[in-house]
Amino acid sequence: MSRHPDPRDDLATLAARIDALVAVVQRLSDENRRLVQAQEQLAGERAQLLSKNEQARTRVEAMIQRLKSMEANP
């Protein structure tokens, strides 16, 4: 005698799979939010470092010019 599958079993399986999928989507959403925040923070740090690098380059160039002028006018 063959037993027919109970539609409630299929429904319970589907509900469990949907719950698992919702959990994965939530985890990925949280991870994406954290990654976006980290990316924004790193972009800000990069901008600060570029600015500091430009300031240092300007100061070094100014020092070189002063040294050259001191050599030219002993």
PDB file of N, CA and C in Angstrom:
ATOM      1  N   MET A   1       0.849  -1.171   0.000  1.00  0.00           N
ATOM      2  CA  MET A   1       0.000   0.000   0.000  1.00  0.00           C
ATOM      3  C   MET A   1       0.898   1.239   0.000  1.00  0.00           C
ATOM      4  N   SER A   2       0.724   2.089  -0.988  1.00  0.00           N
ATOM      5  CA  SER A   2       1.544   3.288  -1.062  1.00  0.00           C
ATOM      6  C   SER A   2       0.893   4.407  -0.271  1.00  0.00           C
ATOM      7  N   ARG A   3       1.725   5.135   0.357  1.00  0.00           N
ATOM      8  CA  ARG A   3       1.248   6.243   1.191  1.00  0.00           C
ATOM      9  C   ARG A   3       1.433   7.521   0.402  1.00  0.00           C
ATOM     10  N   HIS A   4       0.411   8.344   0.359  1.00  0.00           N
ATOM     11  CA  HIS A   4       0.480   9.630  -0.329  1.00  0.00           C
ATOM     12  C   HIS A   4       1.125  10.654   0.598  1.00  0.00           C
ATOM     13  N   PRO A   5       2.035  11.462   0.032  1.00  0.00           N
ATOM     14  CA  PRO A   5       2.653  12.475   0.892  1.00  0.00           C
ATOM     15  C   PRO A   5       1.608  13.458   1.421  1.00  0.00           C
ATOM     16  N   ASP A   6       1.810  13.819   2.652  1.00  0.00           N
ATOM     17  CA  ASP A   6       0.905  14.778   3.292  1.00  0.00           C
ATOM     18  C   ASP A   6       1.287  16.184   2.832  1.00  0.00           C
ATOM     19  N   PRO A   7       0.363  16.928   2.265  1.00  0.00           N
ATOM     20  CA  PRO A   7       0.678  18.300   1.827  1.00  0.00           C
ATOM     21  C   PRO A   7       1.187  19.165   2.974  1.00  0.00           C
ATOM     22  N   ARG A   8       0.807  18.832   4.194  1.00  0.00           N
ATOM     23  CA  ARG A   8       1.292  19.606   5.341  1.00  0.00           C
ATOM     24  C   ARG A   8       2.794  19.425   5.534  1.00  0.00           C
ATOM     25  N   ASP A   9       3.304  18.239   5.187  1.00  0.00           N
ATOM     26  CA  ASP A   9       4.757  18.020   5.264  1.00  0.00           C
ATOM     27  C   ASP A   9       5.474  18.915   4.255  1.00  0.00           C
ATOM     28  N   ASP A  10       4.918  18.971   3.039  1.00  0.00           N
ATOM     29  CA  ASP A  10       5.497  19.842   2.013  1.00  0.00           C
ATOM     30  C   ASP A  10       5.455  21.303   2.456  1.00  0.00           C
ATOM     31  N   LEU A  11       4.361  21.692   3.066  1.00  0.00           N
ATOM     32  CA  LEU A  11       4.210  23.068   3.535  1.00  0.00           C
ATOM     33  C   LEU A  11       5.197  23.367   4.659  1.00  0.00           C
ATOM     34  N   ALA A  12       5.381  22.427   5.555  1.00  0.00           N
ATOM     35  CA  ALA A  12       6.333  22.625   6.651  1.00  0.00           C
ATOM     36  C   ALA A  12       7.754  22.716   6.107  1.00  0.00           C
ATOM     37  N   THR A  13       8.074  21.881   5.125  1.00  0.00           N
ATOM     38  CA  THR A  13       9.394  21.932   4.506  1.00  0.00           C
ATOM     39  C   THR A  13       9.606  23.268   3.813  1.00  0.00           C
ATOM     40  N   LEU A  14       8.612  23.701   3.096  1.00  0.00           N
ATOM     41  CA  LEU A  14       8.704  24.999   2.401  1.00  0.00           C
ATOM     42  C   LEU A  14       8.854  26.136   3.406  1.00  0.00           C
ATOM     43  N   ALA A  15       8.101  26.087   4.488  1.00  0.00           N
ATOM     44  CA  ALA A  15       8.191  27.130   5.518  1.00  0.00           C
ATOM     45  C   ALA A  15       9.584  27.143   6.141  1.00  0.00           C
ATOM     46  N   ALA A  16      10.158  25.976   6.386  1.00  0.00           N
ATOM     47  CA  ALA A  16      11.499  25.902   6.963  1.00  0.00           C
ATOM     48  C   ALA A  16      12.527  26.473   5.992  1.00  0.00           C
ATOM     49  N   ARG A  17      12.371  26.154   4.713  1.00  0.00           N
ATOM     50  CA  ARG A  17      13.305  26.682   3.708  1.00  0.00           C
ATOM     51  C   ARG A  17      13.177  28.197   3.583  1.00  0.00           C
ATOM     52  N   ILE A  18      11.959  28.695   3.665  1.00  0.00           N
ATOM     53  CA  ILE A  18      11.750  30.148   3.597  1.00  0.00           C
ATOM     54  C   ILE A  18      12.378  30.820   4.815  1.00  0.00           C
ATOM     55  N   ASP A  19      12.196  30.230   5.997  1.00  0.00           N
ATOM     56  CA  ASP A  19      12.806  30.785   7.209  1.00  0.00           C
ATOM     57  C   ASP A  19      14.325  30.823   7.085  1.00  0.00           C
ATOM     58  N   ALA A  20      14.898  29.742   6.546  1.00  0.00           N
ATOM     59  CA  ALA A  20      16.347  29.702   6.370  1.00  0.00           C
ATOM     60  C   ALA A  20      16.795  30.772   5.369  1.00  0.00           C
ATOM     61  N   LEU A  21      16.035  30.937   4.309  1.00  0.00           N
ATOM     62  CA  LEU A  21      16.359  31.953   3.306  1.00  0.00           C
ATOM     63  C   LEU A  21      16.256  33.357   3.893  1.00  0.00           C
ATOM     64  N   VAL A  22      15.251  33.609   4.689  1.00  0.00           N
ATOM     65  CA  VAL A  22      15.103  34.916   5.345  1.00  0.00           C
ATOM     66  C   VAL A  22      16.295  35.180   6.259  1.00  0.00           C
ATOM     67  N   ALA A  23      16.744  34.155   6.967  1.00  0.00           N
ATOM     68  CA  ALA A  23      17.904  34.314   7.856  1.00  0.00           C
ATOM     69  C   ALA A  23      19.157  34.649   7.044  1.00  0.00           C
ATOM     70  N   VAL A  24      19.337  33.995   5.913  1.00  0.00           N
ATOM     71  CA  VAL A  24      20.503  34.274   5.063  1.00  0.00           C
ATOM     72  C   VAL A  24      20.435  35.696   4.521  1.00  0.00           C
ATOM     73  N   VAL A  25      19.268  36.106   4.069  1.00  0.00           N
ATOM     74  CA  VAL A  25      19.106  37.459   3.546  1.00  0.00           C
ATOM     75  C   VAL A  25      19.404  38.494   4.630  1.00  0.00           C
ATOM     76  N   GLN A  26      18.935  38.256   5.838  1.00  0.00           N
ATOM     77  CA  GLN A  26      19.190  39.176   6.948  1.00  0.00           C
ATOM     78  C   GLN A  26      20.684  39.249   7.264  1.00  0.00           C
ATOM     79  N   ARG A  27      21.344  38.088   7.288  1.00  0.00           N
ATOM     80  CA  ARG A  27      22.782  38.055   7.564  1.00  0.00           C
ATOM     81  C   ARG A  27      23.552  38.803   6.474  1.00  0.00           C
ATOM     82  N   LEU A  28      23.187  38.576   5.226  1.00  0.00           N
ATOM     83  CA  LEU A  28      23.865  39.265   4.128  1.00  0.00           C
ATOM     84  C   LEU A  28      23.599  40.767   4.153  1.00  0.00           C
ATOM     85  N   SER A  29      22.401  41.143   4.517  1.00  0.00           N
ATOM     86  CA  SER A  29      22.066  42.562   4.618  1.00  0.00           C
ATOM     87  C   SER A  29      22.896  43.233   5.709  1.00  0.00           C
ATOM     88  N   ASP A  30      23.009  42.569   6.862  1.00  0.00           N
ATOM     89  CA  ASP A  30      23.823  43.104   7.957  1.00  0.00           C
ATOM     90  C   ASP A  30      25.291  43.210   7.541  1.00  0.00           C
ATOM     91  N   GLU A  31      25.788  42.164   6.883  1.00  0.00           N
ATOM     92  CA  GLU A  31      27.179  42.170   6.439  1.00  0.00           C
ATOM     93  C   GLU A  31      27.402  43.288   5.418  1.00  0.00           C
ATOM     94  N   ASN A  32      26.468  43.465   4.509  1.00  0.00           N
ATOM     95  CA  ASN A  32      26.584  44.522   3.504  1.00  0.00           C
ATOM     96  C   ASN A  32      26.609  45.898   4.167  1.00  0.00           C
ATOM     97  N   ARG A  33      25.763  46.100   5.154  1.00  0.00           N
ATOM     98  CA  ARG A  33      25.731  47.379   5.872  1.00  0.00           C
ATOM     99  C   ARG A  33      27.075  47.647   6.550  1.00  0.00           C
ATOM    100  N   ARG A  34      27.630  46.614   7.185  1.00  0.00           N
ATOM    101  CA  ARG A  34      28.937  46.776   7.836  1.00  0.00           C
ATOM    102  C   ARG A  34      30.031  47.076   6.811  1.00  0.00           C
ATOM    103  N   LEU A  35      29.978  46.398   5.685  1.00  0.00           N
ATOM    104  CA  LEU A  35      30.992  46.630   4.654  1.00  0.00           C
ATOM    105  C   LEU A  35      30.891  48.033   4.062  1.00  0.00           C
ATOM    106  N   VAL A  36      29.680  48.519   3.874  1.00  0.00           N
ATOM    107  CA  VAL A  36      29.496  49.884   3.357  1.00  0.00           C
ATOM    108  C   VAL A  36      30.047  50.893   4.361  1.00  0.00           C
ATOM    109  N   GLN A  37      29.774  50.675   5.642  1.00  0.00           N
ATOM    110  CA  GLN A  37      30.305  51.575   6.672  1.00  0.00           C
ATOM    111  C   GLN A  37      31.830  51.547   6.692  1.00  0.00           C
ATOM    112  N   ALA A  38      32.400  50.354   6.590  1.00  0.00           N
ATOM    113  CA  ALA A  38      33.859  50.230   6.585  1.00  0.00           C
ATOM    114  C   ALA A  38      34.455  50.915   5.359  1.00  0.00           C
ATOM    115  N   GLN A  39      33.801  50.759   4.225  1.00  0.00           N
ATOM    116  CA  GLN A  39      34.276  51.391   2.997  1.00  0.00           C
ATOM    117  C   GLN A  39      34.235  52.917   3.125  1.00  0.00           C
ATOM    118  N   GLU A  40      33.166  53.435   3.703  1.00  0.00           N
ATOM    119  CA  GLU A  40      33.061  54.880   3.897  1.00  0.00           C
ATOM    120  C   GLU A  40      34.155  55.380   4.842  1.00  0.00           C
ATOM    121  N   GLN A  41      34.409  54.635   5.900  1.00  0.00           N
ATOM    122  CA  GLN A  41      35.456  55.012   6.857  1.00  0.00           C
ATOM    123  C   GLN A  41      36.821  55.002   6.169  1.00  0.00           C
ATOM    124  N   LEU A  42      37.092  53.956   5.401  1.00  0.00           N
ATOM    125  CA  LEU A  42      38.379  53.862   4.709  1.00  0.00           C
ATOM    126  C   LEU A  42      38.532  54.975   3.675  1.00  0.00           C
ATOM    127  N   ALA A  43      37.460  55.330   3.004  1.00  0.00           N
ATOM    128  CA  ALA A  43      37.531  56.419   2.025  1.00  0.00           C
ATOM    129  C   ALA A  43      37.854  57.734   2.724  1.00  0.00           C
ATOM    130  N   GLY A  44      37.279  57.947   3.903  1.00  0.00           N
ATOM    131  CA  GLY A  44      37.586  59.153   4.680  1.00  0.00           C
ATOM    132  C   GLY A  44      39.030  59.173   5.137  1.00  0.00           C
ATOM    133  N   GLU A  45      39.512  58.030   5.612  1.00  0.00           N
ATOM    134  CA  GLU A  45      40.914  57.945   6.040  1.00  0.00           C
ATOM    135  C   GLU A  45      41.851  58.179   4.856  1.00  0.00           C
ATOM    136  N   ARG A  46      41.496  57.637   3.705  1.00  0.00           N
ATOM    137  CA  ARG A  46      42.322  57.818   2.506  1.00  0.00           C
ATOM    138  C   ARG A  46      42.386  59.296   2.133  1.00  0.00           C
ATOM    139  N   ALA A  47      41.248  59.976   2.187  1.00  0.00           N
ATOM    140  CA  ALA A  47      41.226  61.405   1.855  1.00  0.00           C
ATOM    141  C   ALA A  47      42.120  62.189   2.821  1.00  0.00           C
ATOM    142  N   GLN A  48      42.062  61.847   4.102  1.00  0.00           N
ATOM    143  CA  GLN A  48      42.917  62.527   5.084  1.00  0.00           C
ATOM    144  C   GLN A  48      44.391  62.274   4.797  1.00  0.00           C
ATOM    145  N   LEU A  49      44.718  61.027   4.476  1.00  0.00           N
ATOM    146  CA  LEU A  49      46.118  60.703   4.182  1.00  0.00           C
ATOM    147  C   LEU A  49      46.605  61.402   2.913  1.00  0.00           C
ATOM    148  N   LEU A  50      45.752  61.477   1.903  1.00  0.00           N
ATOM    149  CA  LEU A  50      46.134  62.197   0.681  1.00  0.00           C
ATOM    150  C   LEU A  50      46.383  63.669   0.975  1.00  0.00           C
ATOM    151  N   SER A  51      45.538  64.248   1.827  1.00  0.00           N
ATOM    152  CA  SER A  51      45.709  65.652   2.193  1.00  0.00           C
ATOM    153  C   SER A  51      47.015  65.858   2.958  1.00  0.00           C
ATOM    154  N   LYS A  52      47.290  64.980   3.916  1.00  0.00           N
ATOM    155  CA  LYS A  52      48.537  65.090   4.675  1.00  0.00           C
ATOM    156  C   LYS A  52      49.746  64.904   3.768  1.00  0.00           C
ATOM    157  N   ASN A  53      49.644  63.990   2.826  1.00  0.00           N
ATOM    158  CA  ASN A  53      50.736  63.761   1.885  1.00  0.00           C
ATOM    159  C   ASN A  53      50.978  65.012   1.036  1.00  0.00           C
ATOM    160  N   GLU A  54      49.918  65.638   0.583  1.00  0.00           N
ATOM    161  CA  GLU A  54      50.056  66.865  -0.220  1.00  0.00           C
ATOM    162  C   GLU A  54      50.680  67.990   0.608  1.00  0.00           C
ATOM    163  N   GLN A  55      50.275  68.117   1.870  1.00  0.00           N
ATOM    164  CA  GLN A  55      50.862  69.132   2.745  1.00  0.00           C
ATOM    165  C   GLN A  55      52.349  68.877   2.957  1.00  0.00           C
ATOM    166  N   ALA A  56      52.714  67.622   3.162  1.00  0.00           N
ATOM    167  CA  ALA A  56      54.127  67.277   3.362  1.00  0.00           C
ATOM    168  C   ALA A  56      54.923  67.571   2.091  1.00  0.00           C
ATOM    169  N   ARG A  57      54.364  67.224   0.940  1.00  0.00           N
ATOM    170  CA  ARG A  57      55.048  67.493  -0.326  1.00  0.00           C
ATOM    171  C   ARG A  57      55.271  68.982  -0.519  1.00  0.00           C
ATOM    172  N   THR A  58      54.275  69.772  -0.196  1.00  0.00           N
ATOM    173  CA  THR A  58      54.389  71.231  -0.325  1.00  0.00           C
ATOM    174  C   THR A  58      55.483  71.764   0.598  1.00  0.00           C
ATOM    175  N   ARG A  59      55.522  71.265   1.848  1.00  0.00           N
ATOM    176  CA  ARG A  59      56.557  71.709   2.787  1.00  0.00           C
ATOM    177  C   ARG A  59      57.956  71.316   2.319  1.00  0.00           C
ATOM    178  N   VAL A  60      58.087  70.098   1.810  1.00  0.00           N
ATOM    179  CA  VAL A  60      59.398  69.643   1.333  1.00  0.00           C
ATOM    180  C   VAL A  60      59.836  70.491   0.137  1.00  0.00           C
ATOM    181  N   GLU A  61      58.918  70.748  -0.778  1.00  0.00           N
ATOM    182  CA  GLU A  61      59.264  71.590  -1.932  1.00  0.00           C
ATOM    183  C   GLU A  61      59.686  72.986  -1.487  1.00  0.00           C
ATOM    184  N   ALA A  62      59.012  73.533  -0.483  1.00  0.00           N
ATOM    185  CA  ALA A  62      59.371  74.855   0.028  1.00  0.00           C
ATOM    186  C   ALA A  62      60.767  74.820   0.658  1.00  0.00           C
ATOM    187  N   MET A  63      61.066  73.754   1.403  1.00  0.00           N
ATOM    188  CA  MET A  63      62.400  73.633   2.006  1.00  0.00           C
ATOM    189  C   MET A  63      63.476  73.533   0.928  1.00  0.00           C
ATOM    190  N   ILE A  64      63.202  72.785  -0.114  1.00  0.00           N
ATOM    191  CA  ILE A  64      64.169  72.655  -1.209  1.00  0.00           C
ATOM    192  C   ILE A  64      64.424  74.013  -1.846  1.00  0.00           C
ATOM    193  N   GLN A  65      63.358  74.770  -2.054  1.00  0.00           N
ATOM    194  CA  GLN A  65      63.520  76.109  -2.652  1.00  0.00           C
ATOM    195  C   GLN A  65      64.350  77.015  -1.737  1.00  0.00           C
ATOM    196  N   ARG A  66      64.108  76.946  -0.430  1.00  0.00           N
ATOM    197  CA  ARG A  66      64.899  77.761   0.510  1.00  0.00           C
ATOM    198  C   ARG A  66      66.369  77.355   0.486  1.00  0.00           C
ATOM    199  N   LEU A  67      66.625  76.054   0.436  1.00  0.00           N
ATOM    200  CA  LEU A  67      67.993  75.572   0.376  1.00  0.00           C
ATOM    201  C   LEU A  67      68.686  76.027  -0.919  1.00  0.00           C
ATOM    202  N   LYS A  68      67.963  75.962  -2.005  1.00  0.00           N
ATOM    203  CA  LYS A  68      68.531  76.411  -3.281  1.00  0.00           C
ATOM    204  C   LYS A  68      68.846  77.901  -3.240  1.00  0.00           C
ATOM    205  N   SER A  69      67.950  78.682  -2.634  1.00  0.00           N
ATOM    206  CA  SER A  69      68.183  80.115  -2.558  1.00  0.00           C
ATOM    207  C   SER A  69      69.359  80.434  -1.623  1.00  0.00           C
ATOM    208  N   MET A  70      69.547  79.624  -0.559  1.00  0.00           N
ATOM    209  CA  MET A  70      70.681  79.812   0.335  1.00  0.00           C
ATOM    210  C   MET A  70      71.986  79.466  -0.379  1.00  0.00           C
ATOM    211  N   GLU A  71      71.973  78.453  -1.240  1.00  0.00           N
ATOM    212  CA  GLU A  71      73.168  78.106  -2.001  1.00  0.00           C
ATOM    213  C   GLU A  71      73.513  79.198  -3.020  1.00  0.00           C
ATOM    214  N   ALA A  72      72.495  79.773  -3.608  1.00  0.00           N
ATOM    215  CA  ALA A  72      72.712  80.793  -4.622  1.00  0.00           C
ATOM    216  C   ALA A  72      73.186  82.098  -3.997  1.00  0.00           C
ATOM    217  N   ASN A  73      72.841  82.359  -2.757  1.00  0.00           N
ATOM    218  CA  ASN A  73      73.203  83.589  -2.060  1.00  0.00           C
ATOM    219  C   ASN A  73      73.992  83.266  -0.797  1.00  0.00           C
ATOM    220  N   PRO A  74      75.293  82.895  -0.936  1.00  0.00           N
ATOM    221  CA  PRO A  74      76.064  82.513   0.250  1.00  0.00           C
ATOM    222  C   PRO A  74      76.388  83.646   1.173  1.00  0.00           C
TER     223      PRO A  74
END
